[in-house]
């Protein structure tokens, strides 16, 4: 059963091996979240640069219940976070 995480958005681009690692984890977890392709949508790259001072991907945007936003770079950290939050055990 596909789950959706509306508080998450992944900044990425196709062909990036680190981004592909995160996309595989999403598929394995059967998890949908907003995908923000920084090459296809220049506004997403601009938003990422404004928030982090750089445009490197992948970066996971996590919106907290209070509206605070956390930016998580590094594919391994993102995969670990997703597995801990959405994994079966």
N, C-alpha and C. Protein backbone atom coordinates (compact mmCIF):
# COMPACT_ATOMS: atom_id res chain seq x y z
N UNK A 1 0.84 -1.19 0.00
CA UNK A 1 0.00 0.00 0.00
C UNK A 1 0.89 1.24 0.00
N UNK A 2 0.73 2.05 -1.00
CA UNK A 2 1.54 3.26 -1.14
C UNK A 2 1.16 4.27 -0.06
N UNK A 3 2.19 4.80 0.58
CA UNK A 3 1.98 5.86 1.57
C UNK A 3 2.46 7.17 0.97
N UNK A 4 1.90 8.26 1.46
CA UNK A 4 2.29 9.59 1.00
C UNK A 4 2.78 10.39 2.19
N UNK A 5 3.90 11.07 1.99
CA UNK A 5 4.45 11.93 3.03
C UNK A 5 4.33 13.37 2.54
N UNK A 6 3.29 14.05 2.95
CA UNK A 6 3.03 15.39 2.46
C UNK A 6 3.94 16.44 3.09
N UNK A 7 4.66 16.07 4.14
CA UNK A 7 5.56 17.01 4.79
C UNK A 7 6.97 16.95 4.21
N UNK A 8 7.18 16.12 3.19
CA UNK A 8 8.50 15.93 2.61
C UNK A 8 8.53 16.31 1.14
N UNK A 9 9.68 16.84 0.70
CA UNK A 9 9.92 17.10 -0.71
C UNK A 9 11.39 16.78 -0.98
N UNK A 10 11.64 16.10 -2.08
CA UNK A 10 13.00 15.73 -2.46
C UNK A 10 13.45 16.58 -3.64
N UNK A 11 14.54 17.31 -3.44
CA UNK A 11 15.19 18.05 -4.51
C UNK A 11 16.21 17.11 -5.13
N UNK A 12 16.15 16.94 -6.46
CA UNK A 12 16.95 15.93 -7.14
C UNK A 12 17.05 16.26 -8.61
N UNK A 13 17.80 15.44 -9.36
CA UNK A 13 17.68 15.42 -10.81
C UNK A 13 17.98 14.01 -11.29
N UNK A 14 17.34 13.63 -12.38
CA UNK A 14 17.51 12.29 -12.95
C UNK A 14 18.94 12.15 -13.47
N UNK A 15 19.51 10.98 -13.23
CA UNK A 15 20.87 10.71 -13.66
C UNK A 15 21.90 10.93 -12.59
N UNK A 16 21.55 11.61 -11.53
CA UNK A 16 22.45 11.81 -10.39
C UNK A 16 22.48 10.50 -9.60
N UNK A 17 23.63 9.85 -9.46
CA UNK A 17 23.66 8.55 -8.77
C UNK A 17 23.22 8.63 -7.31
N UNK A 18 23.51 9.72 -6.64
CA UNK A 18 23.10 9.87 -5.24
C UNK A 18 21.59 10.06 -5.14
N UNK A 19 21.04 10.80 -6.10
CA UNK A 19 19.59 10.97 -6.15
C UNK A 19 18.91 9.64 -6.46
N UNK A 20 19.49 8.88 -7.36
CA UNK A 20 18.91 7.57 -7.72
C UNK A 20 18.88 6.65 -6.51
N UNK A 21 19.88 6.73 -5.64
CA UNK A 21 19.89 5.94 -4.41
C UNK A 21 18.65 6.26 -3.56
N UNK A 22 18.32 7.54 -3.44
CA UNK A 22 17.15 7.95 -2.66
C UNK A 22 15.87 7.51 -3.36
N UNK A 23 15.81 7.68 -4.68
CA UNK A 23 14.62 7.27 -5.42
C UNK A 23 14.37 5.76 -5.29
N UNK A 24 15.44 4.95 -5.28
CA UNK A 24 15.28 3.51 -5.08
C UNK A 24 14.71 3.22 -3.70
N UNK A 25 15.18 3.94 -2.69
CA UNK A 25 14.66 3.75 -1.33
C UNK A 25 13.18 4.11 -1.27
N UNK A 26 12.77 5.17 -1.96
CA UNK A 26 11.36 5.53 -2.00
C UNK A 26 10.54 4.41 -2.61
N UNK A 27 11.04 3.83 -3.69
CA UNK A 27 10.33 2.73 -4.35
C UNK A 27 10.25 1.52 -3.44
N UNK A 28 11.34 1.19 -2.77
CA UNK A 28 11.35 0.04 -1.87
C UNK A 28 10.41 0.23 -0.69
N UNK A 29 10.30 1.46 -0.21
CA UNK A 29 9.40 1.76 0.90
C UNK A 29 7.96 1.99 0.44
N UNK A 30 7.74 2.02 -0.89
CA UNK A 30 6.44 2.30 -1.47
C UNK A 30 5.90 3.63 -0.92
N UNK A 31 6.76 4.64 -1.02
CA UNK A 31 6.48 5.94 -0.43
C UNK A 31 6.47 6.99 -1.52
N UNK A 32 5.44 7.84 -1.51
CA UNK A 32 5.35 8.95 -2.44
C UNK A 32 5.54 10.24 -1.67
N UNK A 33 6.32 11.13 -2.29
CA UNK A 33 6.47 12.47 -1.75
C UNK A 33 6.70 13.40 -2.93
N UNK A 34 6.67 14.67 -2.69
CA UNK A 34 6.85 15.62 -3.78
C UNK A 34 8.28 15.55 -4.29
N UNK A 35 8.43 15.39 -5.59
CA UNK A 35 9.74 15.36 -6.22
C UNK A 35 9.96 16.69 -6.94
N UNK A 36 11.03 17.36 -6.59
CA UNK A 36 11.33 18.68 -7.15
C UNK A 36 12.62 18.58 -7.97
N UNK A 37 12.46 18.41 -9.27
CA UNK A 37 13.58 18.23 -10.19
C UNK A 37 14.22 19.60 -10.45
N UNK A 38 15.45 19.77 -9.96
CA UNK A 38 16.11 21.08 -10.06
C UNK A 38 16.58 21.40 -11.47
N UNK A 39 16.66 20.41 -12.34
CA UNK A 39 17.03 20.68 -13.74
C UNK A 39 15.80 21.02 -14.58
N UNK A 40 14.71 20.35 -14.32
CA UNK A 40 13.49 20.59 -15.09
C UNK A 40 12.76 21.85 -14.62
N UNK A 41 12.94 22.20 -13.35
CA UNK A 41 12.24 23.34 -12.77
C UNK A 41 13.26 24.29 -12.12
N UNK A 42 13.73 25.29 -12.84
CA UNK A 42 14.73 26.21 -12.29
C UNK A 42 14.29 26.88 -10.99
N UNK A 43 12.99 27.06 -10.79
CA UNK A 43 12.51 27.66 -9.54
C UNK A 43 12.89 26.80 -8.34
N UNK A 44 12.88 25.49 -8.52
CA UNK A 44 13.25 24.60 -7.42
C UNK A 44 14.73 24.75 -7.07
N UNK A 45 15.58 24.86 -8.07
CA UNK A 45 17.01 25.07 -7.81
C UNK A 45 17.22 26.41 -7.09
N UNK A 46 16.51 27.44 -7.52
CA UNK A 46 16.62 28.75 -6.89
C UNK A 46 16.17 28.69 -5.43
N UNK A 47 15.09 27.97 -5.17
CA UNK A 47 14.60 27.83 -3.80
C UNK A 47 15.63 27.11 -2.94
N UNK A 48 16.22 26.06 -3.49
CA UNK A 48 17.23 25.29 -2.77
C UNK A 48 18.45 26.17 -2.48
N UNK A 49 18.90 26.91 -3.45
CA UNK A 49 20.06 27.80 -3.25
C UNK A 49 19.75 28.88 -2.22
N UNK A 50 18.55 29.42 -2.27
CA UNK A 50 18.18 30.46 -1.30
C UNK A 50 18.18 29.91 0.12
N UNK A 51 17.73 28.67 0.27
CA UNK A 51 17.61 28.08 1.60
C UNK A 51 18.95 27.57 2.14
N UNK A 52 19.79 27.02 1.24
CA UNK A 52 21.01 26.35 1.70
C UNK A 52 22.30 27.01 1.24
N UNK A 53 22.19 27.98 0.35
CA UNK A 53 23.39 28.63 -0.14
C UNK A 53 24.12 27.84 -1.22
N UNK A 54 23.54 26.73 -1.63
CA UNK A 54 24.12 25.90 -2.70
C UNK A 54 23.01 25.08 -3.34
N UNK A 55 23.27 24.59 -4.54
CA UNK A 55 22.24 23.88 -5.28
C UNK A 55 22.50 22.39 -5.44
N UNK A 56 23.40 21.84 -4.64
CA UNK A 56 23.71 20.42 -4.77
C UNK A 56 22.55 19.56 -4.27
N UNK A 57 22.39 18.41 -4.91
CA UNK A 57 21.31 17.48 -4.57
C UNK A 57 21.90 16.10 -4.37
N UNK A 58 21.18 15.19 -3.73
CA UNK A 58 19.81 15.31 -3.23
C UNK A 58 19.75 16.04 -1.89
N UNK A 59 18.60 16.66 -1.68
CA UNK A 59 18.29 17.29 -0.41
C UNK A 59 16.82 17.01 -0.11
N UNK A 60 16.56 16.59 1.11
CA UNK A 60 15.19 16.34 1.55
C UNK A 60 14.72 17.53 2.36
N UNK A 61 13.59 18.10 1.97
CA UNK A 61 12.98 19.21 2.73
C UNK A 61 11.93 18.61 3.63
N UNK A 62 12.08 18.86 4.93
CA UNK A 62 11.17 18.30 5.92
C UNK A 62 10.44 19.46 6.60
N UNK A 63 9.12 19.52 6.44
CA UNK A 63 8.31 20.56 7.07
C UNK A 63 7.75 20.02 8.37
N UNK A 64 8.07 20.68 9.45
CA UNK A 64 7.58 20.25 10.76
C UNK A 64 6.15 20.70 10.99
N UNK A 65 5.49 20.12 12.00
CA UNK A 65 4.10 20.48 12.29
C UNK A 65 3.93 21.95 12.68
N UNK A 66 5.01 22.56 13.17
CA UNK A 66 4.97 23.97 13.56
C UNK A 66 5.32 24.91 12.41
N UNK A 67 5.57 24.33 11.22
CA UNK A 67 5.91 25.14 10.06
C UNK A 67 7.40 25.31 9.84
N UNK A 68 8.21 24.89 10.81
CA UNK A 68 9.67 24.98 10.66
C UNK A 68 10.12 23.99 9.58
N UNK A 69 11.12 24.40 8.82
CA UNK A 69 11.64 23.56 7.74
C UNK A 69 13.07 23.14 8.05
N UNK A 70 13.34 21.86 7.86
CA UNK A 70 14.68 21.31 8.01
C UNK A 70 15.12 20.81 6.64
N UNK A 71 16.37 21.05 6.30
CA UNK A 71 16.94 20.61 5.03
C UNK A 71 17.96 19.51 5.32
N UNK A 72 17.76 18.33 4.74
CA UNK A 72 18.66 17.20 4.98
C UNK A 72 19.38 16.84 3.67
N UNK A 73 20.70 17.13 3.60
CA UNK A 73 21.47 16.70 2.44
C UNK A 73 22.02 15.29 2.68
N UNK A 74 22.77 14.79 1.72
CA UNK A 74 23.46 13.50 1.79
C UNK A 74 22.50 12.32 1.62
N UNK A 75 22.69 11.61 0.53
CA UNK A 75 21.79 10.51 0.18
C UNK A 75 21.70 9.44 1.27
N UNK A 76 22.83 9.08 1.87
CA UNK A 76 22.79 8.03 2.90
C UNK A 76 21.99 8.47 4.12
N UNK A 77 22.14 9.73 4.50
CA UNK A 77 21.36 10.25 5.63
C UNK A 77 19.87 10.28 5.30
N UNK A 78 19.55 10.68 4.07
CA UNK A 78 18.14 10.72 3.66
C UNK A 78 17.54 9.32 3.67
N UNK A 79 18.25 8.35 3.10
CA UNK A 79 17.76 6.97 3.07
C UNK A 79 17.58 6.44 4.50
N UNK A 80 18.53 6.70 5.37
CA UNK A 80 18.43 6.25 6.76
C UNK A 80 17.20 6.86 7.44
N UNK A 81 16.99 8.16 7.24
CA UNK A 81 15.83 8.84 7.81
C UNK A 81 14.53 8.22 7.31
N UNK A 82 14.44 8.00 6.00
CA UNK A 82 13.22 7.43 5.42
C UNK A 82 12.97 6.02 5.95
N UNK A 83 14.01 5.21 6.04
CA UNK A 83 13.87 3.84 6.54
C UNK A 83 13.45 3.84 8.01
N UNK A 84 14.03 4.73 8.81
CA UNK A 84 13.65 4.79 10.23
C UNK A 84 12.21 5.26 10.40
N UNK A 85 11.80 6.22 9.59
CA UNK A 85 10.46 6.79 9.74
C UNK A 85 9.37 5.91 9.10
N UNK A 86 9.67 5.30 7.95
CA UNK A 86 8.63 4.62 7.20
C UNK A 86 8.86 3.12 7.02
N UNK A 87 10.01 2.62 7.47
CA UNK A 87 10.30 1.20 7.31
C UNK A 87 9.44 0.33 8.21
N UNK A 88 9.43 -0.93 7.91
CA UNK A 88 8.60 -1.87 8.66
C UNK A 88 9.20 -2.31 9.98
N UNK A 89 10.42 -2.01 10.21
CA UNK A 89 10.97 -2.45 11.47
C UNK A 89 12.33 -2.02 11.64
